[in-house]
């Protein structure tokens, strides 16, 4: 019975993390970034080799990173215009 309860608690914790956080693997390690909307999309994302086209496919992740002051993970210099667009979008949504 205790194994069952331990499994239930472990599952509940994992579901909570999956619903409320992006688990992001960057060049400097693994980070938890709070999601803007609670859902099961983009639970784990490896961003080490992301290019601009990849970021355009993962706009909610990029917006969550900018909103939570983790824009340092958006490393590529070619992303500066995209970073500005996402930042203005986030500012417009949350003001």
PDB file of N, CA and C in Angstrom:
ATOM      1  N   UNK A   1       0.821  -1.193   0.000  1.00  0.00           N
ATOM      2  CA  UNK A   1       0.000   0.000   0.000  1.00  0.00           C
ATOM      3  C   UNK A   1       0.866   1.259   0.000  1.00  0.00           C
ATOM      4  N   UNK A   2       1.993   1.225   0.719  1.00  0.00           N
ATOM      5  CA  UNK A   2       2.850   2.410   0.778  1.00  0.00           C
ATOM      6  C   UNK A   2       3.495   2.695  -0.581  1.00  0.00           C
ATOM      7  N   UNK A   3       3.805   1.651  -1.357  1.00  0.00           N
ATOM      8  CA  UNK A   3       4.355   1.867  -2.695  1.00  0.00           C
ATOM      9  C   UNK A   3       3.330   2.557  -3.590  1.00  0.00           C
ATOM     10  N   UNK A   4       2.088   2.150  -3.456  1.00  0.00           N
ATOM     11  CA  UNK A   4       1.029   2.765  -4.246  1.00  0.00           C
ATOM     12  C   UNK A   4       0.914   4.248  -3.912  1.00  0.00           C
ATOM     13  N   UNK A   5       0.904   4.578  -2.644  1.00  0.00           N
ATOM     14  CA  UNK A   5       0.802   5.977  -2.238  1.00  0.00           C
ATOM     15  C   UNK A   5       2.024   6.770  -2.676  1.00  0.00           C
ATOM     16  N   UNK A   6       3.200   6.172  -2.573  1.00  0.00           N
ATOM     17  CA  UNK A   6       4.414   6.842  -3.033  1.00  0.00           C
ATOM     18  C   UNK A   6       4.350   7.094  -4.539  1.00  0.00           C
ATOM     19  N   UNK A   7       3.828   6.136  -5.288  1.00  0.00           N
ATOM     20  CA  UNK A   7       3.662   6.309  -6.731  1.00  0.00           C
ATOM     21  C   UNK A   7       2.663   7.397  -7.060  1.00  0.00           C
ATOM     22  N   UNK A   8       1.591   7.460  -6.283  1.00  0.00           N
ATOM     23  CA  UNK A   8       0.588   8.512  -6.500  1.00  0.00           C
ATOM     24  C   UNK A   8       1.180   9.896  -6.222  1.00  0.00           C
ATOM     25  N   UNK A   9       1.935  10.026  -5.154  1.00  0.00           N
ATOM     26  CA  UNK A   9       2.547  11.313  -4.814  1.00  0.00           C
ATOM     27  C   UNK A   9       3.568  11.703  -5.881  1.00  0.00           C
ATOM     28  N   UNK A  10       4.394  10.751  -6.303  1.00  0.00           N
ATOM     29  CA  UNK A  10       5.397  11.027  -7.331  1.00  0.00           C
ATOM     30  C   UNK A  10       4.726  11.446  -8.641  1.00  0.00           C
ATOM     31  N   UNK A  11       3.664  10.754  -9.030  1.00  0.00           N
ATOM     32  CA  UNK A  11       2.938  11.100 -10.250  1.00  0.00           C
ATOM     33  C   UNK A  11       2.304  12.476 -10.168  1.00  0.00           C
ATOM     34  N   UNK A  12       1.750  12.805  -8.994  1.00  0.00           N
ATOM     35  CA  UNK A  12       1.127  14.120  -8.825  1.00  0.00           C
ATOM     36  C   UNK A  12       2.163  15.233  -8.924  1.00  0.00           C
ATOM     37  N   UNK A  13       3.335  15.020  -8.342  1.00  0.00           N
ATOM     38  CA  UNK A  13       4.403  16.031  -8.409  1.00  0.00           C
ATOM     39  C   UNK A  13       4.879  16.195  -9.852  1.00  0.00           C
ATOM     40  N   UNK A  14       5.076  15.095 -10.559  1.00  0.00           N
ATOM     41  CA  UNK A  14       5.516  15.172 -11.954  1.00  0.00           C
ATOM     42  C   UNK A  14       4.467  15.858 -12.832  1.00  0.00           C
ATOM     43  N   UNK A  15       3.203  15.572 -12.601  1.00  0.00           N
ATOM     44  CA  UNK A  15       2.150  16.226 -13.375  1.00  0.00           C
ATOM     45  C   UNK A  15       2.099  17.723 -13.085  1.00  0.00           C
ATOM     46  N   UNK A  16       2.285  18.098 -11.822  1.00  0.00           N
ATOM     47  CA  UNK A  16       2.301  19.515 -11.465  1.00  0.00           C
ATOM     48  C   UNK A  16       3.446  20.239 -12.179  1.00  0.00           C
ATOM     49  N   UNK A  17       4.627  19.653 -12.164  1.00  0.00           N
ATOM     50  CA  UNK A  17       5.786  20.266 -12.838  1.00  0.00           C
ATOM     51  C   UNK A  17       5.538  20.353 -14.339  1.00  0.00           C
ATOM     52  N   UNK A  18       4.987  19.299 -14.932  1.00  0.00           N
ATOM     53  CA  UNK A  18       4.730  19.299 -16.371  1.00  0.00           C
ATOM     54  C   UNK A  18       3.689  20.344 -16.763  1.00  0.00           C
ATOM     55  N   UNK A  19       2.719  20.588 -15.903  1.00  0.00           N
ATOM     56  CA  UNK A  19       1.665  21.555 -16.217  1.00  0.00           C
ATOM     57  C   UNK A  19       2.111  23.002 -16.018  1.00  0.00           C
ATOM     58  N   UNK A  20       3.036  23.264 -15.104  1.00  0.00           N
ATOM     59  CA  UNK A  20       3.354  24.637 -14.721  1.00  0.00           C
ATOM     60  C   UNK A  20       4.747  25.115 -15.132  1.00  0.00           C
ATOM     61  N   UNK A  21       5.610  24.223 -15.605  1.00  0.00           N
ATOM     62  CA  UNK A  21       6.990  24.614 -15.921  1.00  0.00           C
ATOM     63  C   UNK A  21       7.449  24.003 -17.237  1.00  0.00           C
ATOM     64  N   UNK A  22       8.317  24.745 -17.939  1.00  0.00           N
ATOM     65  CA  UNK A  22       9.089  24.204 -19.049  1.00  0.00           C
ATOM     66  C   UNK A  22      10.401  23.721 -18.444  1.00  0.00           C
ATOM     67  N   UNK A  23      10.804  22.504 -18.746  1.00  0.00           N
ATOM     68  CA  UNK A  23      12.126  22.018 -18.369  1.00  0.00           C
ATOM     69  C   UNK A  23      13.012  22.268 -19.582  1.00  0.00           C
ATOM     70  N   UNK A  24      13.944  23.220 -19.446  1.00  0.00           N
ATOM     71  CA  UNK A  24      14.748  23.687 -20.575  1.00  0.00           C
ATOM     72  C   UNK A  24      16.188  23.249 -20.374  1.00  0.00           C
ATOM     73  N   UNK A  25      16.726  22.567 -21.380  1.00  0.00           N
ATOM     74  CA  UNK A  25      18.135  22.180 -21.337  1.00  0.00           C
ATOM     75  C   UNK A  25      18.912  23.122 -22.232  1.00  0.00           C
ATOM     76  N   UNK A  26      19.792  23.908 -21.602  1.00  0.00           N
ATOM     77  CA  UNK A  26      20.626  24.847 -22.335  1.00  0.00           C
ATOM     78  C   UNK A  26      22.075  24.423 -22.262  1.00  0.00           C
ATOM     79  N   UNK A  27      22.936  25.246 -22.787  1.00  0.00           N
ATOM     80  CA  UNK A  27      24.366  24.943 -22.773  1.00  0.00           C
ATOM     81  C   UNK A  27      24.947  24.993 -21.373  1.00  0.00           C
ATOM     82  N   UNK A  28      24.294  25.708 -20.468  1.00  0.00           N
ATOM     83  CA  UNK A  28      24.807  25.865 -19.108  1.00  0.00           C
ATOM     84  C   UNK A  28      24.105  24.966 -18.100  1.00  0.00           C
ATOM     85  N   UNK A  29      23.200  24.103 -18.560  1.00  0.00           N
ATOM     86  CA  UNK A  29      22.527  23.202 -17.647  1.00  0.00           C
ATOM     87  C   UNK A  29      21.039  23.098 -17.922  1.00  0.00           C
ATOM     88  N   UNK A  30      20.314  22.602 -16.912  1.00  0.00           N
ATOM     89  CA  UNK A  30      18.869  22.406 -17.015  1.00  0.00           C
ATOM     90  C   UNK A  30      18.189  23.444 -16.132  1.00  0.00           C
ATOM     91  N   UNK A  31      17.139  24.096 -16.667  1.00  0.00           N
ATOM     92  CA  UNK A  31      16.443  25.165 -15.960  1.00  0.00           C
ATOM     93  C   UNK A  31      14.944  24.908 -15.976  1.00  0.00           C
ATOM     94  N   UNK A  32      14.267  25.348 -14.935  1.00  0.00           N
ATOM     95  CA  UNK A  32      12.810  25.346 -14.896  1.00  0.00           C
ATOM     96  C   UNK A  32      12.338  26.762 -15.187  1.00  0.00           C
ATOM     97  N   UNK A  33      11.503  26.914 -16.208  1.00  0.00           N
ATOM     98  CA  UNK A  33      10.952  28.209 -16.580  1.00  0.00           C
ATOM     99  C   UNK A  33       9.440  28.116 -16.418  1.00  0.00           C
ATOM    100  N   UNK A  34       8.839  28.957 -15.569  1.00  0.00           N
ATOM    101  CA  UNK A  34       7.378  28.909 -15.403  1.00  0.00           C
ATOM    102  C   UNK A  34       6.653  29.192 -16.717  1.00  0.00           C
ATOM    103  N   UNK A  35       5.600  28.410 -16.985  1.00  0.00           N
ATOM    104  CA  UNK A  35       4.816  28.577 -18.205  1.00  0.00           C
ATOM    105  C   UNK A  35       3.881  29.770 -18.074  1.00  0.00           C
ATOM    106  N   UNK A  36       3.516  30.351 -19.212  1.00  0.00           N
ATOM    107  CA  UNK A  36       2.545  31.432 -19.235  1.00  0.00           C
ATOM    108  C   UNK A  36       1.134  30.861 -19.111  1.00  0.00           C
ATOM    109  N   UNK A  37       0.868  29.779 -19.833  1.00  0.00           N
ATOM    110  CA  UNK A  37      -0.434  29.112 -19.720  1.00  0.00           C
ATOM    111  C   UNK A  37      -0.188  27.665 -19.303  1.00  0.00           C
ATOM    112  N   UNK A  38      -1.013  27.182 -18.400  1.00  0.00           N
ATOM    113  CA  UNK A  38      -0.826  25.833 -17.858  1.00  0.00           C
ATOM    114  C   UNK A  38      -1.384  24.798 -18.823  1.00  0.00           C
ATOM    115  N   UNK A  39      -0.480  24.045 -19.447  1.00  0.00           N
ATOM    116  CA  UNK A  39      -0.855  22.967 -20.350  1.00  0.00           C
ATOM    117  C   UNK A  39       0.307  21.981 -20.421  1.00  0.00           C
ATOM    118  N   UNK A  40       0.156  20.951 -21.199  1.00  0.00           N
ATOM    119  CA  UNK A  40       1.198  19.928 -21.291  1.00  0.00           C
ATOM    120  C   UNK A  40       2.076  20.082 -22.537  1.00  0.00           C
ATOM    121  N   UNK A  41       2.109  21.252 -23.150  1.00  0.00           N
ATOM    122  CA  UNK A  41       2.953  21.444 -24.323  1.00  0.00           C
ATOM    123  C   UNK A  41       4.346  21.910 -23.902  1.00  0.00           C
ATOM    124  N   UNK A  42       5.339  21.517 -24.683  1.00  0.00           N
ATOM    125  CA  UNK A  42       6.734  21.915 -24.454  1.00  0.00           C
ATOM    126  C   UNK A  42       7.181  21.660 -23.024  1.00  0.00           C
ATOM    127  N   UNK A  43       6.953  20.457 -22.529  1.00  0.00           N
ATOM    128  CA  UNK A  43       7.358  20.137 -21.158  1.00  0.00           C
ATOM    129  C   UNK A  43       8.882  20.118 -21.077  1.00  0.00           C
ATOM    130  N   UNK A  44       9.547  19.393 -21.974  1.00  0.00           N
ATOM    131  CA  UNK A  44      11.011  19.343 -22.007  1.00  0.00           C
ATOM    132  C   UNK A  44      11.464  19.819 -23.375  1.00  0.00           C
ATOM    133  N   UNK A  45      12.367  20.808 -23.389  1.00  0.00           N
ATOM    134  CA  UNK A  45      12.891  21.335 -24.650  1.00  0.00           C
ATOM    135  C   UNK A  45      14.397  21.480 -24.532  1.00  0.00           C
ATOM    136  N   UNK A  46      15.114  20.909 -25.480  1.00  0.00           N
ATOM    137  CA  UNK A  46      16.568  21.038 -25.542  1.00  0.00           C
ATOM    138  C   UNK A  46      16.883  22.175 -26.510  1.00  0.00           C
ATOM    139  N   UNK A  47      17.378  23.302 -25.985  1.00  0.00           N
ATOM    140  CA  UNK A  47      17.584  24.503 -26.805  1.00  0.00           C
ATOM    141  C   UNK A  47      19.042  24.713 -27.195  1.00  0.00           C
ATOM    142  N   UNK A  48      19.879  23.739 -26.979  1.00  0.00           N
ATOM    143  CA  UNK A  48      21.307  23.932 -27.222  1.00  0.00           C
ATOM    144  C   UNK A  48      21.632  24.232 -28.678  1.00  0.00           C
ATOM    145  N   UNK A  49      20.887  23.683 -29.606  1.00  0.00           N
ATOM    146  CA  UNK A  49      21.172  23.904 -31.028  1.00  0.00           C
ATOM    147  C   UNK A  49      20.027  24.620 -31.739  1.00  0.00           C
ATOM    148  N   UNK A  50      19.251  25.401 -31.019  1.00  0.00           N
ATOM    149  CA  UNK A  50      18.117  26.104 -31.622  1.00  0.00           C
ATOM    150  C   UNK A  50      18.588  27.200 -32.549  1.00  0.00           C
ATOM    151  N   UNK A  51      17.866  27.338 -33.651  1.00  0.00           N
ATOM    152  CA  UNK A  51      18.058  28.441 -34.586  1.00  0.00           C
ATOM    153  C   UNK A  51      16.782  29.271 -34.585  1.00  0.00           C
ATOM    154  N   UNK A  52      16.773  30.334 -35.351  1.00  0.00           N
ATOM    155  CA  UNK A  52      15.624  31.231 -35.388  1.00  0.00           C
ATOM    156  C   UNK A  52      14.345  30.500 -35.774  1.00  0.00           C
ATOM    157  N   UNK A  53      14.430  29.597 -36.741  1.00  0.00           N
ATOM    158  CA  UNK A  53      13.234  28.848 -37.158  1.00  0.00           C
ATOM    159  C   UNK A  53      12.702  27.977 -36.019  1.00  0.00           C
ATOM    160  N   UNK A  54      13.591  27.433 -35.198  1.00  0.00           N
ATOM    161  CA  UNK A  54      13.157  26.636 -34.043  1.00  0.00           C
ATOM    162  C   UNK A  54      12.443  27.504 -33.022  1.00  0.00           C
ATOM    163  N   UNK A  55      12.968  28.715 -32.780  1.00  0.00           N
ATOM    164  CA  UNK A  55      12.328  29.614 -31.821  1.00  0.00           C
ATOM    165  C   UNK A  55      10.963  30.053 -32.311  1.00  0.00           C
ATOM    166  N   UNK A  56      10.812  30.211 -33.623  1.00  0.00           N
ATOM    167  CA  UNK A  56       9.514  30.613 -34.162  1.00  0.00           C
ATOM    168  C   UNK A  56       8.477  29.507 -33.987  1.00  0.00           C
ATOM    169  N   UNK A  57       8.921  28.256 -33.924  1.00  0.00           N
ATOM    170  CA  UNK A  57       8.010  27.143 -33.667  1.00  0.00           C
ATOM    171  C   UNK A  57       7.692  27.006 -32.179  1.00  0.00           C
ATOM    172  N   UNK A  58       8.504  27.592 -31.310  1.00  0.00           N
ATOM    173  CA  UNK A  58       8.326  27.488 -29.858  1.00  0.00           C
ATOM    174  C   UNK A  58       8.119  28.872 -29.234  1.00  0.00           C
ATOM    175  N   UNK A  59       7.212  29.660 -29.823  1.00  0.00           N
ATOM    176  CA  UNK A  59       6.969  31.021 -29.334  1.00  0.00           C
ATOM    177  C   UNK A  59       6.487  31.073 -27.886  1.00  0.00           C
ATOM    178  N   UNK A  60       5.610  30.166 -27.435  1.00  0.00           N
ATOM    179  CA  UNK A  60       5.208  30.227 -26.013  1.00  0.00           C
ATOM    180  C   UNK A  60       6.384  30.024 -25.060  1.00  0.00           C
ATOM    181  N   UNK A  61       7.314  29.161 -25.429  1.00  0.00           N
ATOM    182  CA  UNK A  61       8.508  28.959 -24.607  1.00  0.00           C
ATOM    183  C   UNK A  61       9.353  30.222 -24.576  1.00  0.00           C
ATOM    184  N   UNK A  62       9.556  30.836 -25.735  1.00  0.00           N
ATOM    185  CA  UNK A  62      10.357  32.067 -25.795  1.00  0.00           C
ATOM    186  C   UNK A  62       9.699  33.177 -24.991  1.00  0.00           C
ATOM    187  N   UNK A  63       8.380  33.299 -25.092  1.00  0.00           N
ATOM    188  CA  UNK A  63       7.673  34.327 -24.332  1.00  0.00           C
ATOM    189  C   UNK A  63       7.790  34.077 -22.834  1.00  0.00           C
ATOM    190  N   UNK A  64       7.703  32.828 -22.416  1.00  0.00           N
ATOM    191  CA  UNK A  64       7.845  32.498 -20.991  1.00  0.00           C
ATOM    192  C   UNK A  64       9.249  32.815 -20.497  1.00  0.00           C
ATOM    193  N   UNK A  65      10.254  32.570 -21.328  1.00  0.00           N
ATOM    194  CA  UNK A  65      11.633  32.855 -20.935  1.00  0.00           C
ATOM    195  C   UNK A  65      11.852  34.353 -20.784  1.00  0.00           C
ATOM    196  N   UNK A  66      11.299  35.145 -21.696  1.00  0.00           N
ATOM    197  CA  UNK A  66      11.454  36.599 -21.617  1.00  0.00           C
ATOM    198  C   UNK A  66      10.697  37.137 -20.412  1.00  0.00           C
ATOM    199  N   UNK A  67       9.480  36.658 -20.200  1.00  0.00           N
ATOM    200  CA  UNK A  67       8.652  37.131 -19.086  1.00  0.00           C
ATOM    201  C   UNK A  67       9.307  36.837 -17.737  1.00  0.00           C
ATOM    202  N   UNK A  68      10.011  35.717 -17.636  1.00  0.00           N
ATOM    203  CA  UNK A  68      10.621  35.308 -16.376  1.00  0.00           C
ATOM    204  C   UNK A  68      12.111  35.647 -16.299  1.00  0.00           C
ATOM    205  N   UNK A  69      12.528  36.633 -17.077  1.00  0.00           N
ATOM    206  CA  UNK A  69      13.909  37.146 -17.044  1.00  0.00           C
ATOM    207  C   UNK A  69      14.942  36.058 -17.310  1.00  0.00           C
ATOM    208  N   UNK A  70      14.647  35.141 -18.206  1.00  0.00           N
ATOM    209  CA  UNK A  70      15.610  34.122 -18.609  1.00  0.00           C
ATOM    210  C   UNK A  70      15.964  34.295 -20.077  1.00  0.00           C
ATOM    211  N   UNK A  71      15.893  35.531 -20.578  1.00  0.00           N
ATOM    212  CA  UNK A  71      16.208  35.777 -21.978  1.00  0.00           C
ATOM    213  C   UNK A  71      17.689  35.570 -22.266  1.00  0.00           C
ATOM    214  N   UNK A  72      18.502  35.426 -21.223  1.00  0.00           N
ATOM    215  CA  UNK A  72      19.909  35.114 -21.436  1.00  0.00           C
ATOM    216  C   UNK A  72      20.074  33.747 -22.093  1.00  0.00           C
ATOM    217  N   UNK A  73      19.058  32.897 -22.009  1.00  0.00           N
ATOM    218  CA  UNK A  73      19.121  31.595 -22.659  1.00  0.00           C
ATOM    219  C   UNK A  73      18.888  31.689 -24.161  1.00  0.00           C
ATOM    220  N   UNK A  74      18.366  32.822 -24.621  1.00  0.00           N
ATOM    221  CA  UNK A  74      18.211  33.057 -26.059  1.00  0.00           C
ATOM    222  C   UNK A  74      19.543  33.625 -26.563  1.00  0.00           C
ATOM    223  N   UNK A  75      20.484  32.758 -26.848  1.00  0.00           N
ATOM    224  CA  UNK A  75      21.875  33.171 -27.013  1.00  0.00           C
ATOM    225  C   UNK A  75      22.242  33.721 -28.381  1.00  0.00           C
ATOM    226  N   UNK A  76      21.709  33.187 -29.423  1.00  0.00           N
ATOM    227  CA  UNK A  76      22.177  33.499 -30.769  1.00  0.00           C
ATOM    228  C   UNK A  76      21.988  34.981 -31.095  1.00  0.00           C
ATOM    229  N   UNK A  77      22.998  35.601 -31.692  1.00  0.00           N
ATOM    230  CA  UNK A  77      22.938  37.026 -32.036  1.00  0.00           C
ATOM    231  C   UNK A  77      21.870  37.311 -33.092  1.00  0.00           C
ATOM    232  N   UNK A  78      21.573  36.334 -33.928  1.00  0.00           N
ATOM    233  CA  UNK A  78      20.545  36.545 -34.942  1.00  0.00           C
ATOM    234  C   UNK A  78      19.146  36.591 -34.332  1.00  0.00           C
ATOM    235  N   UNK A  79      19.035  36.285 -33.053  1.00  0.00           N
ATOM    236  CA  UNK A  79      17.740  36.295 -32.385  1.00  0.00           C
ATOM    237  C   UNK A  79      17.378  37.647 -31.804  1.00  0.00           C
ATOM    238  N   UNK A  80      18.220  38.646 -31.965  1.00  0.00           N
ATOM    239  CA  UNK A  80      17.955  39.930 -31.321  1.00  0.00           C
ATOM    240  C   UNK A  80      16.638  40.542 -31.790  1.00  0.00           C
ATOM    241  N   UNK A  81      16.340  40.463 -33.078  1.00  0.00           N
ATOM    242  CA  UNK A  81      15.062  41.014 -33.550  1.00  0.00           C
ATOM    243  C   UNK A  81      13.900  40.182 -33.049  1.00  0.00           C
ATOM    244  N   UNK A  82      14.056  38.867 -33.034  1.00  0.00           N
ATOM    245  CA  UNK A  82      12.999  38.007 -32.515  1.00  0.00           C
ATOM    246  C   UNK A  82      12.799  38.245 -31.024  1.00  0.00           C
ATOM    247  N   UNK A  83      13.893  38.427 -30.284  1.00  0.00           N
ATOM    248  CA  UNK A  83      13.807  38.701 -28.851  1.00  0.00           C
ATOM    249  C   UNK A  83      13.054  40.007 -28.592  1.00  0.00           C
ATOM    250  N   UNK A  84      13.305  41.021 -29.409  1.00  0.00           N
ATOM    251  CA  UNK A  84      12.604  42.301 -29.272  1.00  0.00           C
ATOM    252  C   UNK A  84      11.119  42.137 -29.552  1.00  0.00           C
ATOM    253  N   UNK A  85      10.775  41.367 -30.571  1.00  0.00           N
ATOM    254  CA  UNK A  85       9.370  41.133 -30.902  1.00  0.00           C
ATOM    255  C   UNK A  85       8.659  40.390 -29.772  1.00  0.00           C
ATOM    256  N   UNK A  86       9.292  39.371 -29.234  1.00  0.00           N
ATOM    257  CA  UNK A  86       8.684  38.600 -28.150  1.00  0.00           C
ATOM    258  C   UNK A  86       8.543  39.473 -26.906  1.00  0.00           C
ATOM    259  N   UNK A  87       9.555  40.273 -26.630  1.00  0.00           N
ATOM    260  CA  UNK A  87       9.495  41.153 -25.466  1.00  0.00           C
ATOM    261  C   UNK A  87       8.348  42.143 -25.585  1.00  0.00           C
ATOM    262  N   UNK A  88       8.153  42.732 -26.765  1.00  0.00           N
ATOM    263  CA  UNK A  88       7.048  43.674 -26.943  1.00  0.00           C
ATOM    264  C   UNK A  88       5.706  42.954 -26.877  1.00  0.00           C
ATOM    265  N   UNK A  89       5.643  41.725 -27.369  1.00  0.00           N
ATOM    266  CA  UNK A  89       4.418  40.934 -27.276  1.00  0.00           C
ATOM    267  C   UNK A  89       4.084  40.640 -25.826  1.00  0.00           C
ATOM    268  N   UNK A  90       5.071  40.234 -25.048  1.00  0.00           N
ATOM    269  CA  UNK A  90       4.846  39.926 -23.634  1.00  0.00           C
ATOM    270  C   UNK A  90       4.438  41.187 -22.883  1.00  0.00           C
ATOM    271  N   UNK A  91       5.103  42.304 -23.162  1.00  0.00           N
ATOM    272  CA  UNK A  91       4.737  43.552 -22.504  1.00  0.00           C
ATOM    273  C   UNK A  91       3.301  43.952 -22.833  1.00  0.00           C
ATOM    274  N   UNK A  92       2.889  43.718 -24.079  1.00  0.00           N
ATOM    275  CA  UNK A  92       1.524  44.059 -24.476  1.00  0.00           C
ATOM    276  C   UNK A  92       0.485  43.152 -23.832  1.00  0.00           C
ATOM    277  N   UNK A  93       0.856  41.895 -23.603  1.00  0.00           N
ATOM    278  CA  UNK A  93      -0.090  40.964 -23.001  1.00  0.00           C
ATOM    279  C   UNK A  93      -0.290  41.186 -21.514  1.00  0.00           C
ATOM    280  N   UNK A  94       0.754  41.612 -20.825  1.00  0.00           N
ATOM    281  CA  UNK A  94       0.701  41.652 -19.371  1.00  0.00           C
ATOM    282  C   UNK A  94       0.665  43.067 -18.795  1.00  0.00           C
ATOM    283  N   UNK A  95       0.319  44.052 -19.599  1.00  0.00           N
ATOM    284  CA  UNK A  95       0.190  45.420 -19.087  1.00  0.00           C
ATOM    285  C   UNK A  95      -1.255  45.805 -18.990  1.00  0.00           C
TER     286      UNK A  95
END
